[in-house]
């Protein structure tokens, strides 16, 4: 270890257990698990990794212990794949947001075609609008603020 680096008493005790020749190998692997699954100084981590590789590569080593050592090694070698979490969706709010987006697209099309301000009822024939889920918070509020800003500017111009 780097000179002057202090490790906790618990980490020192785990290292003593892991490196002891008087402790059963299964218990040494449990000590290694406690070290490798949490933050440790690089030197301690490297020592633990080397110990686990030694167990995994030991020809006369029990297959169950090899497997435990290899699982711990894989845990630190590879990024763990975590399945996504399900999120509840407010379908009424999602449909309302979907309708606002559809109206905004229609309005942009009318402006682009030079037919804005449109005649009365320009957004009534949209039909069924599918719901829309948005990850980013506040997008509906920003959309509404942009619409209000456009209305305000239009009133000032008129």
N, C-alpha and C. Protein backbone atom coordinates (compact mmCIF):
# COMPACT_ATOMS: atom_id res chain seq x y z
N UNK A 1 0.83 -1.19 0.00
CA UNK A 1 0.00 0.00 0.00
C UNK A 1 0.87 1.24 0.00
N UNK A 2 0.25 2.33 -0.48
CA UNK A 2 0.97 3.59 -0.52
C UNK A 2 1.36 3.99 0.90
N UNK A 3 2.53 4.54 1.02
CA UNK A 3 3.02 4.92 2.33
C UNK A 3 2.09 5.95 2.96
N UNK A 4 1.72 5.71 4.22
CA UNK A 4 0.89 6.65 4.93
C UNK A 4 -0.60 6.44 4.72
N UNK A 5 -0.98 5.48 3.87
CA UNK A 5 -2.41 5.26 3.64
C UNK A 5 -2.97 4.39 4.77
N UNK A 6 -4.03 4.85 5.38
CA UNK A 6 -4.61 4.16 6.52
C UNK A 6 -5.87 3.44 6.05
N UNK A 7 -6.01 2.17 6.45
CA UNK A 7 -7.24 1.44 6.15
C UNK A 7 -8.02 1.24 7.44
N UNK A 8 -9.31 1.03 7.30
CA UNK A 8 -10.15 0.88 8.48
C UNK A 8 -9.84 -0.44 9.20
N UNK A 9 -10.23 -0.51 10.45
CA UNK A 9 -10.03 -1.73 11.23
C UNK A 9 -10.79 -2.90 10.61
N UNK A 10 -12.00 -2.62 10.13
CA UNK A 10 -12.80 -3.69 9.52
C UNK A 10 -12.13 -4.22 8.26
N UNK A 11 -11.62 -3.32 7.43
CA UNK A 11 -10.96 -3.73 6.20
C UNK A 11 -9.68 -4.51 6.53
N UNK A 12 -8.94 -4.07 7.53
CA UNK A 12 -7.74 -4.80 7.97
C UNK A 12 -8.07 -6.19 8.45
N UNK A 13 -9.16 -6.32 9.22
CA UNK A 13 -9.58 -7.63 9.72
C UNK A 13 -9.99 -8.55 8.56
N UNK A 14 -10.70 -7.98 7.58
CA UNK A 14 -11.09 -8.79 6.42
C UNK A 14 -9.86 -9.26 5.64
N UNK A 15 -8.86 -8.39 5.50
CA UNK A 15 -7.62 -8.78 4.84
C UNK A 15 -6.91 -9.90 5.60
N UNK A 16 -6.91 -9.79 6.93
CA UNK A 16 -6.29 -10.84 7.75
C UNK A 16 -6.99 -12.17 7.54
N UNK A 17 -8.31 -12.15 7.50
CA UNK A 17 -9.07 -13.39 7.29
C UNK A 17 -8.79 -13.94 5.89
N UNK A 18 -8.83 -13.08 4.89
CA UNK A 18 -8.66 -13.53 3.52
C UNK A 18 -7.28 -14.14 3.29
N UNK A 19 -6.26 -13.61 3.92
CA UNK A 19 -4.90 -14.08 3.68
C UNK A 19 -4.41 -15.12 4.68
N UNK A 20 -5.26 -15.51 5.61
CA UNK A 20 -4.85 -16.47 6.63
C UNK A 20 -4.83 -17.90 6.07
N UNK A 21 -3.80 -18.66 6.48
CA UNK A 21 -3.75 -20.08 6.08
C UNK A 21 -4.44 -20.96 7.12
N UNK A 22 -4.99 -20.34 8.17
CA UNK A 22 -5.67 -21.09 9.22
C UNK A 22 -7.19 -21.02 9.07
N UNK A 23 -7.67 -20.27 8.10
CA UNK A 23 -9.10 -20.08 7.87
C UNK A 23 -9.50 -20.89 6.66
N UNK A 24 -10.67 -21.51 6.72
CA UNK A 24 -11.17 -22.29 5.58
C UNK A 24 -11.29 -21.40 4.35
N UNK A 25 -11.01 -21.98 3.19
CA UNK A 25 -11.02 -21.23 1.93
C UNK A 25 -12.37 -20.55 1.68
N UNK A 26 -13.47 -21.22 2.01
CA UNK A 26 -14.81 -20.64 1.80
C UNK A 26 -14.98 -19.35 2.60
N UNK A 27 -14.44 -19.32 3.81
CA UNK A 27 -14.53 -18.12 4.63
C UNK A 27 -13.59 -17.03 4.11
N UNK A 28 -12.45 -17.43 3.55
CA UNK A 28 -11.54 -16.45 2.93
C UNK A 28 -12.24 -15.78 1.75
N UNK A 29 -12.98 -16.57 0.98
CA UNK A 29 -13.71 -16.01 -0.17
C UNK A 29 -14.80 -15.07 0.32
N UNK A 30 -15.45 -15.37 1.43
CA UNK A 30 -16.46 -14.45 1.99
C UNK A 30 -15.81 -13.14 2.42
N UNK A 31 -14.61 -13.21 2.97
CA UNK A 31 -13.90 -11.99 3.33
C UNK A 31 -13.55 -11.20 2.06
N UNK A 32 -13.13 -11.91 1.03
CA UNK A 32 -12.83 -11.25 -0.25
C UNK A 32 -14.07 -10.60 -0.83
N UNK A 33 -15.21 -11.26 -0.69
CA UNK A 33 -16.47 -10.69 -1.18
C UNK A 33 -16.76 -9.37 -0.46
N UNK A 34 -16.57 -9.36 0.84
CA UNK A 34 -16.83 -8.14 1.62
C UNK A 34 -15.87 -7.02 1.23
N UNK A 35 -14.69 -7.37 0.77
CA UNK A 35 -13.73 -6.35 0.35
C UNK A 35 -14.06 -5.86 -1.05
N UNK A 36 -14.29 -6.79 -1.96
CA UNK A 36 -14.41 -6.44 -3.38
C UNK A 36 -15.74 -5.78 -3.73
N UNK A 37 -16.77 -6.02 -2.94
CA UNK A 37 -18.07 -5.45 -3.24
C UNK A 37 -18.22 -4.01 -2.74
N UNK A 38 -17.23 -3.53 -2.02
CA UNK A 38 -17.29 -2.17 -1.51
C UNK A 38 -16.01 -1.43 -1.87
N UNK A 39 -16.02 -0.15 -1.68
CA UNK A 39 -14.86 0.67 -2.01
C UNK A 39 -13.68 0.29 -1.13
N UNK A 40 -12.51 0.21 -1.78
CA UNK A 40 -11.28 -0.11 -1.05
C UNK A 40 -10.13 0.57 -1.77
N UNK A 41 -9.03 0.81 -1.06
CA UNK A 41 -7.86 1.38 -1.73
C UNK A 41 -7.42 0.46 -2.87
N UNK A 42 -6.84 1.03 -3.93
CA UNK A 42 -6.46 0.22 -5.09
C UNK A 42 -5.56 -0.97 -4.74
N UNK A 43 -4.63 -0.79 -3.81
CA UNK A 43 -3.72 -1.88 -3.44
C UNK A 43 -4.48 -3.03 -2.78
N UNK A 44 -5.44 -2.72 -1.95
CA UNK A 44 -6.25 -3.74 -1.29
C UNK A 44 -7.11 -4.45 -2.34
N UNK A 45 -7.68 -3.68 -3.22
CA UNK A 45 -8.49 -4.24 -4.29
C UNK A 45 -7.65 -5.19 -5.15
N UNK A 46 -6.45 -4.75 -5.54
CA UNK A 46 -5.57 -5.58 -6.37
C UNK A 46 -5.19 -6.87 -5.66
N UNK A 47 -4.87 -6.78 -4.37
CA UNK A 47 -4.53 -7.97 -3.59
C UNK A 47 -5.70 -8.94 -3.55
N UNK A 48 -6.90 -8.42 -3.35
CA UNK A 48 -8.10 -9.25 -3.30
C UNK A 48 -8.37 -9.89 -4.66
N UNK A 49 -8.20 -9.13 -5.71
CA UNK A 49 -8.39 -9.65 -7.06
C UNK A 49 -7.39 -10.77 -7.35
N UNK A 50 -6.13 -10.55 -6.98
CA UNK A 50 -5.10 -11.58 -7.19
C UNK A 50 -5.42 -12.84 -6.39
N UNK A 51 -5.90 -12.67 -5.15
CA UNK A 51 -6.27 -13.82 -4.34
C UNK A 51 -7.38 -14.62 -5.04
N UNK A 52 -8.42 -13.91 -5.50
CA UNK A 52 -9.54 -14.60 -6.16
C UNK A 52 -9.09 -15.31 -7.45
N UNK A 53 -8.19 -14.68 -8.21
CA UNK A 53 -7.66 -15.33 -9.41
C UNK A 53 -6.88 -16.59 -9.03
N UNK A 54 -6.14 -16.52 -7.94
CA UNK A 54 -5.41 -17.70 -7.47
C UNK A 54 -6.34 -18.85 -7.13
N UNK A 55 -7.45 -18.53 -6.47
CA UNK A 55 -8.44 -19.56 -6.14
C UNK A 55 -9.05 -20.13 -7.42
N UNK A 56 -9.40 -19.25 -8.35
CA UNK A 56 -10.05 -19.67 -9.59
C UNK A 56 -9.13 -20.52 -10.46
N UNK A 57 -7.83 -20.27 -10.39
CA UNK A 57 -6.89 -20.99 -11.24
C UNK A 57 -6.24 -22.18 -10.54
N UNK A 58 -6.52 -22.37 -9.26
CA UNK A 58 -5.94 -23.50 -8.52
C UNK A 58 -6.46 -24.83 -9.05
N UNK A 59 -5.54 -25.67 -9.53
CA UNK A 59 -5.95 -26.93 -10.16
C UNK A 59 -6.63 -27.89 -9.19
N UNK A 60 -6.16 -27.94 -7.95
CA UNK A 60 -6.76 -28.86 -6.98
C UNK A 60 -7.91 -28.21 -6.18
N UNK A 61 -8.26 -27.00 -6.55
CA UNK A 61 -9.30 -26.25 -5.83
C UNK A 61 -10.69 -26.83 -6.13
N UNK A 62 -11.54 -26.83 -5.13
CA UNK A 62 -12.93 -27.27 -5.26
C UNK A 62 -13.66 -26.43 -6.31
N UNK A 63 -14.43 -27.07 -7.17
CA UNK A 63 -15.13 -26.37 -8.26
C UNK A 63 -16.10 -25.33 -7.71
N UNK A 64 -16.76 -25.60 -6.61
CA UNK A 64 -17.69 -24.63 -6.01
C UNK A 64 -16.97 -23.36 -5.58
N UNK A 65 -15.78 -23.51 -5.00
CA UNK A 65 -15.00 -22.35 -4.58
C UNK A 65 -14.47 -21.59 -5.79
N UNK A 66 -14.05 -22.32 -6.83
CA UNK A 66 -13.61 -21.66 -8.06
C UNK A 66 -14.75 -20.82 -8.64
N UNK A 67 -15.93 -21.41 -8.64
CA UNK A 67 -17.10 -20.71 -9.18
C UNK A 67 -17.39 -19.45 -8.38
N UNK A 68 -17.33 -19.52 -7.06
CA UNK A 68 -17.56 -18.33 -6.23
C UNK A 68 -16.52 -17.25 -6.52
N UNK A 69 -15.27 -17.66 -6.64
CA UNK A 69 -14.21 -16.69 -6.93
C UNK A 69 -14.43 -16.06 -8.30
N UNK A 70 -14.78 -16.86 -9.30
CA UNK A 70 -15.01 -16.33 -10.65
C UNK A 70 -16.21 -15.40 -10.70
N UNK A 71 -17.26 -15.71 -9.94
CA UNK A 71 -18.42 -14.81 -9.90
C UNK A 71 -18.04 -13.45 -9.33
N UNK A 72 -17.22 -13.44 -8.30
CA UNK A 72 -16.78 -12.17 -7.72
C UNK A 72 -15.88 -11.41 -8.69
N UNK A 73 -15.02 -12.13 -9.39
CA UNK A 73 -14.16 -11.48 -10.37
C UNK A 73 -15.00 -10.86 -11.47
N UNK A 74 -15.98 -11.60 -11.97
CA UNK A 74 -16.86 -11.07 -13.03
C UNK A 74 -17.64 -9.86 -12.54
N UNK A 75 -17.98 -9.86 -11.29
CA UNK A 75 -18.74 -8.74 -10.72
C UNK A 75 -17.98 -7.43 -10.85
N UNK A 76 -16.66 -7.49 -10.72
CA UNK A 76 -15.88 -6.27 -10.81
C UNK A 76 -15.31 -6.03 -12.20
N UNK A 77 -15.23 -7.09 -13.02
CA UNK A 77 -14.68 -6.92 -14.37
C UNK A 77 -15.69 -6.32 -15.33
N UNK A 78 -16.95 -6.67 -15.17
CA UNK A 78 -17.97 -6.26 -16.13
C UNK A 78 -18.98 -5.35 -15.47
N UNK A 79 -19.47 -4.44 -16.27
CA UNK A 79 -20.54 -3.57 -15.80
C UNK A 79 -21.79 -4.43 -15.66
N UNK A 80 -22.43 -4.31 -14.55
CA UNK A 80 -23.63 -5.10 -14.31
C UNK A 80 -24.79 -4.56 -15.13
N UNK A 81 -25.51 -5.45 -15.78
CA UNK A 81 -26.67 -5.07 -16.57
C UNK A 81 -27.87 -5.08 -15.63
N UNK A 82 -28.50 -3.93 -15.51
CA UNK A 82 -29.64 -3.79 -14.62
C UNK A 82 -30.88 -3.54 -15.47
N UNK A 83 -31.90 -4.39 -15.31
CA UNK A 83 -33.11 -4.14 -16.09
C UNK A 83 -33.74 -2.83 -15.70
N UNK A 84 -34.40 -2.19 -16.66
CA UNK A 84 -35.08 -0.92 -16.40
C UNK A 84 -36.23 -1.09 -15.43
N UNK A 85 -36.61 0.00 -14.85
CA UNK A 85 -37.73 -0.04 -13.92
C UNK A 85 -38.99 0.44 -14.63
N UNK A 86 -40.09 -0.14 -14.24
CA UNK A 86 -41.37 0.25 -14.84
C UNK A 86 -41.81 1.57 -14.21
N UNK A 87 -42.44 2.38 -15.02
CA UNK A 87 -42.95 3.65 -14.51
C UNK A 87 -44.44 3.71 -14.78
N UNK A 88 -45.16 4.21 -13.81
CA UNK A 88 -46.59 4.38 -14.00
C UNK A 88 -46.82 5.57 -14.93
N UNK A 89 -47.79 5.42 -15.82
CA UNK A 89 -48.09 6.49 -16.76
C UNK A 89 -49.53 6.92 -16.53
N UNK A 90 -49.71 8.20 -16.35
CA UNK A 90 -51.04 8.77 -16.23
C UNK A 90 -51.60 8.87 -17.65
N UNK A 91 -52.49 7.95 -18.02
CA UNK A 91 -52.95 7.90 -19.41
C UNK A 91 -53.75 9.14 -19.81
N UNK A 92 -54.48 9.70 -18.89
CA UNK A 92 -55.24 10.92 -19.21
C UNK A 92 -54.28 12.06 -19.51
N UNK A 93 -53.27 12.21 -18.66
CA UNK A 93 -52.27 13.26 -18.89
C UNK A 93 -51.47 12.97 -20.16
N UNK A 94 -51.16 11.71 -20.40
CA UNK A 94 -50.41 11.34 -21.61
C UNK A 94 -51.22 11.65 -22.86
N UNK A 95 -52.52 11.38 -22.83
CA UNK A 95 -53.37 11.69 -23.98
C UNK A 95 -53.50 13.20 -24.17
N UNK A 96 -53.62 13.92 -23.06
CA UNK A 96 -53.71 15.39 -23.16
C UNK A 96 -52.44 15.96 -23.76
N UNK A 97 -51.29 15.45 -23.32
CA UNK A 97 -50.02 15.91 -23.88
C UNK A 97 -49.91 15.52 -25.35
N UNK A 98 -50.34 14.31 -25.69
CA UNK A 98 -50.34 13.89 -27.09
C UNK A 98 -51.19 14.80 -27.95
N UNK A 99 -52.34 15.20 -27.42
CA UNK A 99 -53.23 16.11 -28.17
C UNK A 99 -52.57 17.49 -28.35
N UNK A 100 -51.91 17.99 -27.29
CA UNK A 100 -51.22 19.28 -27.39
C UNK A 100 -50.13 19.23 -28.46
N UNK A 101 -49.39 18.14 -28.49
CA UNK A 101 -48.33 18.00 -29.47
C UNK A 101 -48.91 17.92 -30.87
N UNK A 102 -50.01 17.16 -31.04
CA UNK A 102 -50.66 17.06 -32.35
C UNK A 102 -51.18 18.43 -32.80
N UNK A 103 -51.74 19.19 -31.87
CA UNK A 103 -52.23 20.53 -32.20
C UNK A 103 -51.06 21.44 -32.59
N UNK A 104 -49.95 21.33 -31.88
CA UNK A 104 -48.78 22.15 -32.19
C UNK A 104 -48.25 21.81 -33.59
N UNK A 105 -48.22 20.53 -33.92
CA UNK A 105 -47.77 20.12 -35.26
C UNK A 105 -48.71 20.66 -36.34
N UNK A 106 -50.00 20.57 -36.08
CA UNK A 106 -50.98 21.08 -37.05
C UNK A 106 -50.79 22.57 -37.24
N UNK A 107 -50.64 23.31 -36.11
CA UNK A 107 -50.47 24.75 -36.16
C UNK A 107 -49.20 25.12 -36.93
N UNK A 108 -48.10 24.41 -36.68
CA UNK A 108 -46.86 24.67 -37.41
C UNK A 108 -47.04 24.45 -38.91
N UNK A 109 -47.77 23.40 -39.24
CA UNK A 109 -48.05 23.14 -40.66
C UNK A 109 -48.85 24.27 -41.29
N UNK A 110 -49.85 24.76 -40.58
CA UNK A 110 -50.65 25.87 -41.09
C UNK A 110 -49.82 27.14 -41.24
N UNK A 111 -48.95 27.41 -40.26
CA UNK A 111 -48.09 28.58 -40.34
C UNK A 111 -47.14 28.44 -41.52
N UNK A 112 -46.55 27.26 -41.66
CA UNK A 112 -45.62 27.00 -42.75
C UNK A 112 -46.28 27.19 -44.12
N UNK A 113 -47.57 26.79 -44.21
CA UNK A 113 -48.31 26.91 -45.48
C UNK A 113 -48.90 28.31 -45.68
N UNK A 114 -48.67 29.21 -44.71
CA UNK A 114 -49.18 30.57 -44.82
C UNK A 114 -50.68 30.67 -44.57
N UNK A 115 -51.24 29.71 -43.86
CA UNK A 115 -52.69 29.73 -43.60
C UNK A 115 -52.98 30.03 -42.12
N UNK A 116 -52.10 30.77 -41.49
CA UNK A 116 -52.32 31.13 -40.08
C UNK A 116 -52.48 32.62 -39.98
N UNK A 117 -53.40 33.15 -39.24
CA UNK A 117 -54.34 32.49 -38.35
C UNK A 117 -55.35 31.67 -39.16
N UNK A 118 -55.63 30.51 -38.59
CA UNK A 118 -56.50 29.56 -39.28
C UNK A 118 -57.96 29.88 -38.99
N UNK A 119 -58.81 29.25 -39.78
CA UNK A 119 -60.25 29.43 -39.56
C UNK A 119 -60.68 28.67 -38.32
N UNK A 120 -61.81 29.02 -37.81
CA UNK A 120 -62.35 28.42 -36.60
C UNK A 120 -62.46 26.90 -36.76
N UNK A 121 -62.10 26.15 -35.68
CA UNK A 121 -62.22 24.69 -35.69
C UNK A 121 -61.05 23.98 -36.37
N UNK A 122 -59.94 24.65 -36.52
CA UNK A 122 -58.80 24.08 -37.25
C UNK A 122 -58.21 22.84 -36.59
N UNK A 123 -58.48 22.61 -35.32
CA UNK A 123 -57.91 21.45 -34.64
C UNK A 123 -58.92 20.42 -34.18
N UNK A 124 -60.18 20.59 -34.60
CA UNK A 124 -61.22 19.69 -34.12
C UNK A 124 -61.23 18.35 -34.84
N UNK A 125 -60.67 18.27 -36.02
CA UNK A 125 -60.74 17.03 -36.79
C UNK A 125 -59.49 16.15 -36.62
N UNK A 126 -58.79 16.31 -35.52
CA UNK A 126 -57.58 15.50 -35.29
C UNK A 126 -57.91 14.03 -35.08
N UNK A 127 -59.11 13.72 -34.66
CA UNK A 127 -59.47 12.33 -34.39
C UNK A 127 -58.83 11.86 -33.10
N UNK A 128 -58.66 10.55 -32.98
CA UNK A 128 -58.08 9.99 -31.77
C UNK A 128 -56.58 10.25 -31.76
N UNK A 129 -56.11 10.82 -30.69
CA UNK A 129 -54.69 11.11 -30.54
C UNK A 129 -54.15 10.15 -29.50
N UNK A 130 -53.10 9.44 -29.88
CA UNK A 130 -52.49 8.49 -28.95
C UNK A 130 -51.80 9.24 -27.82
N UNK A 131 -51.74 8.60 -26.67
CA UNK A 131 -51.06 9.21 -25.53
C UNK A 131 -49.58 9.33 -25.79
N UNK A 132 -48.95 10.18 -25.03
CA UNK A 132 -47.53 10.42 -25.21
C UNK A 132 -46.88 10.48 -23.85
N UNK A 133 -45.87 9.67 -23.64
CA UNK A 133 -45.12 9.70 -22.38
C UNK A 133 -43.84 10.47 -22.59
N UNK A 134 -43.53 11.35 -21.69
CA UNK A 134 -42.32 12.17 -21.82
C UNK A 134 -41.51 12.00 -20.55
N UNK A 135 -40.24 11.66 -20.72
CA UNK A 135 -39.35 11.46 -19.58
C UNK A 135 -38.99 12.77 -18.91
N UNK A 136 -38.76 13.80 -19.70
CA UNK A 136 -38.26 15.05 -19.16
C UNK A 136 -39.37 15.81 -18.46
N UNK A 137 -39.12 16.18 -17.24
CA UNK A 137 -40.12 16.91 -16.48
C UNK A 137 -40.30 18.32 -17.02
N UNK A 138 -41.52 18.80 -16.98
CA UNK A 138 -41.79 20.19 -17.31
C UNK A 138 -41.97 20.48 -18.78
N UNK A 139 -41.93 19.47 -19.64
CA UNK A 139 -42.03 19.77 -21.07
C UNK A 139 -43.42 20.29 -21.42
N UNK A 140 -44.46 19.76 -20.80
CA UNK A 140 -45.81 20.24 -21.09
C UNK A 140 -45.96 21.70 -20.66
N UNK A 141 -45.39 22.04 -19.53
CA UNK A 141 -45.47 23.42 -19.05
C UNK A 141 -44.70 24.35 -19.98
N UNK A 142 -43.53 23.90 -20.48
CA UNK A 142 -42.76 24.73 -21.40
C UNK A 142 -43.49 24.89 -22.72
N UNK A 143 -44.16 23.83 -23.18
CA UNK A 143 -44.94 23.91 -24.41
C UNK A 143 -46.07 24.93 -24.24
N UNK A 144 -46.75 24.87 -23.12
CA UNK A 144 -47.84 25.82 -22.85
C UNK A 144 -47.31 27.24 -22.76
N UNK A 145 -46.14 27.43 -22.13
CA UNK A 145 -45.54 28.76 -22.03
C UNK A 145 -45.16 29.29 -23.41
N UNK A 146 -44.65 28.41 -24.27
CA UNK A 146 -44.30 28.82 -25.64
C UNK A 146 -45.55 29.23 -26.40
N UNK A 147 -46.63 28.48 -26.22
CA UNK A 147 -47.89 28.84 -26.89
C UNK A 147 -48.39 30.19 -26.40
N UNK A 148 -48.31 30.40 -25.10
CA UNK A 148 -48.77 31.67 -24.52
C UNK A 148 -47.91 32.82 -25.02
N UNK A 149 -46.61 32.61 -25.11
CA UNK A 149 -45.69 33.62 -25.61
C UNK A 149 -46.05 33.99 -27.06
N UNK A 150 -46.37 32.98 -27.86
CA UNK A 150 -46.75 33.23 -29.25
C UNK A 150 -48.05 34.03 -29.31
N UNK A 151 -49.02 33.68 -28.48
CA UNK A 151 -50.29 34.42 -28.43
C UNK A 151 -50.05 35.87 -28.05
N UNK A 152 -49.21 36.10 -27.04
CA UNK A 152 -48.91 37.45 -26.57
C UNK A 152 -48.24 38.26 -27.66
N UNK A 153 -47.27 37.68 -28.37
CA UNK A 153 -46.60 38.38 -29.45
C UNK A 153 -47.58 38.71 -30.58
N UNK A 154 -48.46 37.78 -30.89
CA UNK A 154 -49.43 37.99 -31.96
C UNK A 154 -50.37 39.12 -31.59
N UNK A 155 -50.79 39.21 -30.33
CA UNK A 155 -51.69 40.28 -29.90
C UNK A 155 -50.99 41.63 -29.98
N UNK A 156 -49.69 41.68 -29.67
CA UNK A 156 -48.93 42.93 -29.73
C UNK A 156 -48.79 43.41 -31.18
N UNK A 157 -48.64 42.45 -32.11
CA UNK A 157 -48.47 42.79 -33.52
C UNK A 157 -49.78 43.29 -34.11
N UNK A 158 -50.89 42.72 -33.68
CA UNK A 158 -52.18 43.10 -34.24
C UNK A 158 -52.63 44.48 -33.91
